[in-house]
Amino acid sequence: MTLPARAPSPPPPDVETAWLDGAAIPRSDLALPVGDAGFVLGAAVTEQLRTFAGRLFLVESHAARFQDSLAIAGIEPALPVEAVFAAAARVAAHNHPLGPAGGDLGVVVFATPGDFPAQHEGRGSPPRVAVHTFPLAFRLWARAYDEGVSLRRVPVAQVPATAWPPGLKCRSRMHYHLADRAAAAAEPGARAILCHADGRVSETSTANVAVVRGGTIEAPPPADALAGVSLAYARDLAADLGIAWHEKSLTLADLAGADEVLLTSTPNCILPATRLDGRAIGSGRPGGVYSRLLAAWSDRVGLDIAAQARFAARLPLPTPATGPGRRPNRL
């Protein structure tokens, strides 16, 4: 007699959890077969969120983009997207107290088409959906809030829309890897700027790009780059602050001649880029529009974003006159 499969027991409160296909499991048990199409083909769609004080941020926007990516890739999980992101919230709430003091989590949601038939005797499987978390690596960008980021042009081009549409957020990222290797070879620590074959600026491997000229923010349209959740949030903040915002295709010359260059992404929210190909952008220091947006972002989430990163990275906290972080006590 074959016994019915037993549902896995929920992990204990002191064990980091993950979530796979409807079940909470210990994070250490999260695994997919190497013959899954997400590994074999890189055919996985994904979203990365972050928490503030353990709560997921901009959930609805990330869930909507995940739904769009699933539709583009033709992946149809058994569970609705709302249930997946509700599970993500539970996993984040469970794992946050287990992380470093004063820190927050990155939260990854991804889906694959399931088993690649050619590696499973011609048989596929239902799609797989998973959630896991990790402590945000603040030390990687904590100094950038005050010092800025260096950018480098690279010979690696952005994937054209004829390969997959810009609205697809997927795990097929070899071009990012090659671009960042080229940038690091030219300047250790620099980030690559990816452009389309016709010269339009797209993004970095980790962030959307916008420029500031004459007090106005200009950002690439959705045809040029993935529509960033954090970029859209920055646009809302700019509207509240009375800062004009326009969509237009950008070139590297636009970045080089800008007053400021802004980078937006989920883990660090917003950073200034202060150098391009070894030359200063604007004054070579974080600018006023960046500082206003960072302060407004911190006010919205009730936490000093830059101060949290410095604290987690064990960096000294600047005085209000020396950096954009203003409320080091609000961690």
Protein backbone atom coordinates (compact mmCIF):
# COMPACT_ATOMS: atom_id res chain seq x y z
CA MET A 1 0.00 0.00 0.00
CA THR A 2 1.27 3.46 -0.89
CA LEU A 3 0.86 5.98 1.89
CA PRO A 4 -0.27 9.51 0.97
CA ALA A 5 2.47 12.10 0.94
CA ARG A 6 2.66 14.07 4.17
CA ALA A 7 2.76 17.84 4.07
CA PRO A 8 6.06 19.18 5.40
CA SER A 9 5.97 20.47 8.96
CA PRO A 10 6.45 24.24 9.38
CA PRO A 11 10.01 25.13 10.41
CA PRO A 12 10.56 26.04 14.08
CA PRO A 13 10.47 29.75 15.01
CA ASP A 14 14.26 29.94 15.35
CA VAL A 15 14.99 28.42 11.91
CA GLU A 16 15.25 30.54 8.78
CA THR A 17 12.48 29.62 6.36
CA ALA A 18 11.87 29.60 2.64
CA TRP A 19 8.80 28.69 0.58
CA LEU A 20 8.47 26.30 -2.34
CA ASP A 21 5.30 25.48 -4.26
CA GLY A 22 2.94 26.26 -1.41
CA ALA A 23 4.91 24.97 1.56
CA ALA A 24 7.11 26.68 4.14
CA ILE A 25 10.39 24.80 4.51
CA PRO A 26 13.74 25.37 6.23
CA ARG A 27 15.88 27.68 4.11
CA SER A 28 18.62 25.05 4.08
CA ASP A 29 16.23 22.61 2.37
CA LEU A 30 15.38 24.90 -0.57
CA ALA A 31 16.57 23.13 -3.73
CA LEU A 32 15.55 22.61 -7.34
CA PRO A 33 16.65 19.79 -9.67
CA VAL A 34 19.62 20.68 -11.85
CA GLY A 35 17.44 19.61 -14.79
CA ASP A 36 14.92 22.36 -14.10
CA ALA A 37 14.53 24.66 -17.10
CA GLY A 38 15.40 27.58 -14.86
CA PHE A 39 18.92 26.16 -14.63
CA VAL A 40 19.23 24.53 -18.04
CA LEU A 41 17.93 27.50 -20.04
CA GLY A 42 17.99 30.34 -17.54
CA ALA A 43 14.22 30.37 -18.09
CA ALA A 44 13.25 31.88 -14.76
CA VAL A 45 11.33 35.05 -13.99
CA THR A 46 12.02 36.84 -10.76
CA GLU A 47 11.43 39.79 -8.48
CA GLN A 48 13.59 41.06 -5.65
CA LEU A 49 11.97 43.05 -2.90
CA ARG A 50 13.38 44.48 0.30
CA THR A 51 12.03 45.01 3.76
CA PHE A 52 12.00 48.07 5.97
CA ALA A 53 11.86 47.06 9.63
CA GLY A 54 10.94 43.58 8.45
CA ARG A 55 7.97 44.58 6.27
CA LEU A 56 7.94 44.16 2.51
CA PHE A 57 8.14 47.38 0.51
CA LEU A 58 6.20 48.15 -2.69
CA VAL A 59 4.63 44.69 -2.77
CA GLU A 60 1.85 45.53 -5.22
CA SER A 61 4.22 46.99 -7.80
CA HIS A 62 6.58 44.02 -7.64
CA ALA A 63 3.68 41.56 -7.82
CA ALA A 64 2.24 43.30 -10.89
CA ARG A 65 5.58 43.19 -12.71
CA PHE A 66 6.02 39.52 -11.73
CA GLN A 67 2.60 38.78 -13.20
CA ASP A 68 3.60 40.51 -16.46
CA SER A 69 6.86 38.52 -16.61
CA LEU A 70 5.01 35.24 -16.08
CA ALA A 71 2.69 36.09 -18.96
CA ILE A 72 5.58 36.99 -21.29
CA ALA A 73 7.43 33.77 -20.43
CA GLY A 74 4.30 31.61 -20.61
CA ILE A 75 4.78 30.28 -17.07
CA GLU A 76 1.50 29.44 -15.30
CA PRO A 77 2.04 28.49 -11.65
CA ALA A 78 -0.67 26.59 -9.83
CA LEU A 79 -0.97 29.33 -7.21
CA PRO A 80 -2.07 32.90 -7.98
CA VAL A 81 0.50 35.67 -7.72
CA GLU A 82 -1.34 37.15 -4.72
CA ALA A 83 -0.79 33.91 -2.79
CA VAL A 84 2.91 33.85 -3.73
CA PHE A 85 3.50 37.38 -2.46
CA ALA A 86 1.46 36.74 0.67
CA ALA A 87 3.84 33.85 1.31
CA ALA A 88 6.77 36.20 0.69
CA ALA A 89 5.44 38.52 3.38
CA ARG A 90 5.16 35.64 5.85
CA VAL A 91 8.67 34.40 5.10
CA ALA A 92 10.09 37.91 5.52
CA ALA A 93 8.25 38.45 8.81
CA HIS A 94 9.53 35.12 10.12
CA ASN A 95 13.15 35.63 9.04
CA HIS A 96 13.62 39.29 9.92
CA PRO A 97 14.12 38.75 13.69
CA LEU A 98 16.76 36.13 12.88
CA GLY A 99 18.89 38.59 10.88
CA PRO A 100 21.53 41.09 12.00
CA ALA A 101 20.44 43.83 14.43
CA GLY A 102 19.43 47.00 12.61
CA GLY A 103 19.41 45.27 9.24
CA ASP A 104 16.79 44.32 6.71
CA LEU A 105 16.23 41.58 4.16
CA GLY A 106 16.33 41.09 0.45
CA VAL A 107 13.39 38.91 -0.58
CA VAL A 108 13.54 36.93 -3.83
CA VAL A 109 10.52 35.47 -5.60
CA PHE A 110 11.14 33.36 -8.68
CA ALA A 111 9.33 30.94 -10.96
CA THR A 112 10.54 28.41 -13.52
CA PRO A 113 8.70 26.36 -16.17
CA GLY A 114 9.63 23.19 -14.26
CA ASP A 115 11.65 20.20 -15.45
CA PHE A 116 13.34 20.49 -18.85
CA PRO A 117 11.93 17.47 -20.71
CA ALA A 118 15.18 16.68 -22.55
CA GLN A 119 16.83 15.95 -19.20
CA HIS A 120 13.89 14.04 -17.74
CA GLU A 121 13.24 11.31 -20.33
CA GLY A 122 10.93 13.59 -22.28
CA ARG A 123 8.72 14.46 -19.33
CA GLY A 124 8.19 17.92 -17.96
CA SER A 125 6.71 18.99 -14.64
CA PRO A 126 4.48 21.75 -13.33
CA PRO A 127 6.12 25.17 -12.89
CA ARG A 128 8.00 25.76 -9.68
CA VAL A 129 7.69 28.90 -7.55
CA ALA A 130 9.95 29.76 -4.63
CA VAL A 131 10.64 32.49 -2.09
CA HIS A 132 13.79 33.02 -0.05
CA THR A 133 15.45 35.83 1.86
CA PHE A 134 18.94 37.04 2.69
CA PRO A 135 20.36 39.86 4.82
CA LEU A 136 20.98 42.94 2.68
CA ALA A 137 24.70 43.40 2.00
CA PHE A 138 24.83 47.04 3.08
CA ARG A 139 28.63 47.08 3.10
CA LEU A 140 28.60 46.84 -0.71
CA TRP A 141 27.00 50.27 -1.13
CA ALA A 142 27.06 52.07 2.25
CA ARG A 143 29.85 54.46 1.19
CA ALA A 144 28.14 55.27 -2.10
CA TYR A 145 25.44 57.42 -0.45
CA ASP A 146 28.16 59.99 0.33
CA GLU A 147 30.86 59.22 -2.25
CA GLY A 148 28.84 58.16 -5.29
CA VAL A 149 29.29 55.35 -7.80
CA SER A 150 31.70 55.16 -10.72
CA LEU A 151 30.25 54.11 -14.09
CA ARG A 152 32.04 52.69 -17.12
CA ARG A 153 31.00 52.26 -20.74
CA VAL A 154 31.56 48.67 -21.91
CA PRO A 155 31.51 46.85 -25.25
CA VAL A 156 28.67 44.57 -24.07
CA ALA A 157 25.31 45.65 -25.50
CA GLN A 158 21.88 45.40 -23.93
CA VAL A 159 19.77 42.45 -25.05
CA PRO A 160 17.60 43.67 -27.96
CA ALA A 161 13.81 43.65 -27.79
CA THR A 162 13.83 41.07 -30.58
CA ALA A 163 15.34 38.60 -28.09
CA TRP A 164 12.96 39.37 -25.24
CA PRO A 165 10.92 42.46 -24.40
CA PRO A 166 12.32 45.00 -21.91
CA GLY A 167 9.35 44.36 -19.61
CA LEU A 168 10.53 40.82 -18.83
CA LYS A 169 12.50 40.58 -15.58
CA CYS A 170 14.30 37.29 -15.89
CA ARG A 171 17.33 35.36 -14.67
CA SER A 172 19.02 35.16 -18.10
CA ARG A 173 21.79 37.62 -17.20
CA MET A 174 25.04 36.57 -18.83
CA HIS A 175 25.29 40.00 -20.47
CA TYR A 176 25.26 41.61 -17.01
CA HIS A 177 28.05 39.33 -15.87
CA LEU A 178 30.21 40.10 -18.91
CA ALA A 179 29.49 43.83 -18.69
CA ASP A 180 30.47 44.03 -15.03
CA ARG A 181 33.67 42.07 -15.70
CA ALA A 182 34.59 44.58 -18.39
CA ALA A 183 33.82 47.54 -16.11
CA ALA A 184 35.85 46.09 -13.24
CA ALA A 185 38.79 45.43 -15.56
CA ALA A 186 38.79 49.11 -16.55
CA GLU A 187 38.25 50.41 -13.01
CA PRO A 188 37.93 48.22 -9.91
CA GLY A 189 34.59 48.80 -8.24
CA ALA A 190 32.99 50.52 -11.24
CA ARG A 191 29.57 49.53 -12.55
CA ALA A 192 28.86 48.94 -16.20
CA ILE A 193 26.45 51.06 -18.21
CA LEU A 194 24.67 48.93 -20.80
CA CYS A 195 23.53 50.58 -24.01
CA HIS A 196 21.53 49.36 -26.97
CA ALA A 197 23.28 48.78 -30.27
CA ASP A 198 22.11 52.22 -31.48
CA GLY A 199 23.65 53.99 -28.46
CA ARG A 200 20.56 54.44 -26.27
CA VAL A 201 21.41 54.09 -22.58
CA SER A 202 19.50 51.24 -20.95
CA GLU A 203 20.60 50.48 -17.38
CA THR A 204 23.36 49.11 -15.19
CA SER A 205 23.36 45.46 -14.16
CA THR A 206 21.71 46.42 -10.86
CA ALA A 207 19.93 49.74 -11.34
CA ASN A 208 17.86 52.03 -13.50
CA VAL A 209 19.52 55.26 -14.63
CA ALA A 210 18.24 58.85 -14.73
CA VAL A 211 19.96 62.20 -15.24
CA VAL A 212 19.36 65.64 -13.77
CA ARG A 213 19.78 68.70 -15.98
CA GLY A 214 18.71 72.17 -14.95
CA GLY A 215 16.71 70.77 -12.04
CA THR A 216 14.71 68.39 -14.28
CA ILE A 217 15.01 64.61 -14.11
CA GLU A 218 15.16 62.70 -17.40
CA ALA A 219 14.82 58.91 -17.50
CA PRO A 220 14.71 56.33 -20.31
CA PRO A 221 11.25 55.23 -21.50
CA PRO A 222 10.07 51.62 -21.00
CA ALA A 223 11.22 50.75 -24.53
CA ASP A 224 14.83 51.41 -23.46
CA ALA A 225 14.99 49.71 -20.05
CA LEU A 226 13.07 47.53 -17.64
CA ALA A 227 10.42 49.63 -15.95
CA GLY A 228 11.97 49.86 -12.50
CA VAL A 229 9.76 49.72 -9.42
CA SER A 230 12.19 51.96 -7.53
CA LEU A 231 12.44 54.34 -10.49
CA ALA A 232 8.66 54.72 -10.48
CA TYR A 233 8.74 55.39 -6.74
CA ALA A 234 11.41 58.05 -7.25
CA ARG A 235 9.16 59.65 -9.85
CA ASP A 236 6.33 59.84 -7.32
CA LEU A 237 8.66 61.43 -4.78
CA ALA A 238 9.86 63.93 -7.38
CA ALA A 239 6.27 64.93 -8.09
CA ASP A 240 5.66 65.53 -4.39
CA LEU A 241 8.82 67.68 -4.24
CA GLY A 242 7.86 69.71 -7.31
CA ILE A 243 10.76 68.33 -9.38
CA ALA A 244 9.95 68.01 -13.09
CA TRP A 245 10.38 64.56 -14.66
CA HIS A 246 10.52 63.70 -18.36
CA GLU A 247 10.93 60.42 -20.21
CA LYS A 248 13.41 60.49 -23.07
CA SER A 249 16.07 58.26 -24.56
CA LEU A 250 19.51 59.02 -23.16
CA THR A 251 23.02 58.68 -24.56
CA LEU A 252 26.36 58.40 -22.84
CA ALA A 253 26.93 62.04 -23.77
CA ASP A 254 23.80 62.91 -21.77
CA LEU A 255 25.27 61.15 -18.73
CA ALA A 256 28.67 62.80 -19.15
CA GLY A 257 27.10 66.26 -19.43
CA ALA A 258 24.51 65.88 -16.68
CA ASP A 259 24.42 67.88 -13.47
CA GLU A 260 23.67 64.63 -11.63
CA VAL A 261 23.15 60.96 -12.47
CA LEU A 262 20.78 58.91 -10.31
CA LEU A 263 20.71 55.13 -9.89
CA THR A 264 17.60 53.50 -8.46
CA SER A 265 17.28 49.89 -7.34
CA THR A 266 15.46 47.86 -4.73
CA PRO A 267 18.25 47.13 -2.20
CA ASN A 268 19.73 50.64 -1.89
CA CYS A 269 16.75 52.69 -3.17
CA ILE A 270 18.71 55.58 -4.74
CA LEU A 271 22.41 56.33 -5.19
CA PRO A 272 24.34 59.06 -6.99
CA ALA A 273 26.72 58.24 -9.85
CA THR A 274 29.55 60.77 -9.63
CA ARG A 275 32.04 59.56 -12.27
CA LEU A 276 31.82 58.21 -15.81
CA ASP A 277 34.87 56.66 -17.46
CA GLY A 278 37.09 58.23 -14.82
CA ARG A 279 35.73 61.77 -15.22
CA ALA A 280 33.54 63.68 -12.81
CA ILE A 281 29.82 63.98 -13.45
CA GLY A 282 28.77 67.51 -12.52
CA SER A 283 30.67 68.53 -9.41
CA GLY A 284 31.88 64.99 -8.82
CA ARG A 285 29.88 64.89 -5.58
CA PRO A 286 26.31 63.82 -4.74
CA GLY A 287 23.96 66.58 -5.86
CA GLY A 288 21.00 68.44 -4.44
CA VAL A 289 18.25 66.58 -6.30
CA TYR A 290 19.66 63.26 -5.14
CA SER A 291 19.83 64.48 -1.54
CA ARG A 292 16.22 65.70 -1.62
CA LEU A 293 14.96 62.42 -3.04
CA LEU A 294 16.92 60.35 -0.51
CA ALA A 295 15.59 62.46 2.36
CA ALA A 296 12.02 62.16 1.09
CA TRP A 297 12.43 58.39 0.65
CA SER A 298 13.70 58.09 4.21
CA ASP A 299 10.77 60.14 5.49
CA ARG A 300 8.30 57.92 3.64
CA VAL A 301 9.66 54.68 5.05
CA GLY A 302 10.32 56.09 8.54
CA LEU A 303 13.99 55.14 8.56
CA ASP A 304 17.18 56.93 7.55
CA ILE A 305 18.21 54.79 4.58
CA ALA A 306 21.82 55.92 4.36
CA ALA A 307 22.33 55.80 8.14
CA GLN A 308 21.01 52.24 8.28
CA ALA A 309 23.51 51.19 5.62
CA ARG A 310 26.39 52.91 7.42
CA PHE A 311 25.37 51.34 10.72
CA ALA A 312 25.15 47.84 9.22
CA ALA A 313 28.50 48.33 7.47
CA ARG A 314 30.08 49.69 10.68
CA LEU A 315 30.93 53.02 9.05
CA PRO A 316 31.09 56.30 11.02
CA LEU A 317 27.94 58.38 10.82
CA PRO A 318 28.50 61.84 9.29
CA THR A 319 27.24 65.06 10.79
CA PRO A 320 24.21 66.59 9.02
CA ALA A 321 26.51 69.03 7.22
CA THR A 322 28.72 66.34 5.67
CA GLY A 323 26.34 63.90 4.08
CA PRO A 324 22.76 63.18 3.02
CA GLY A 325 22.05 60.98 6.05
CA ARG A 326 20.16 63.12 8.58
CA ARG A 327 18.58 60.91 11.19
CA PRO A 328 21.10 58.32 12.40
CA ASN A 329 18.97 57.66 15.46
CA ARG A 330 16.02 56.51 13.36
CA LEU A 331 17.09 52.93 12.81
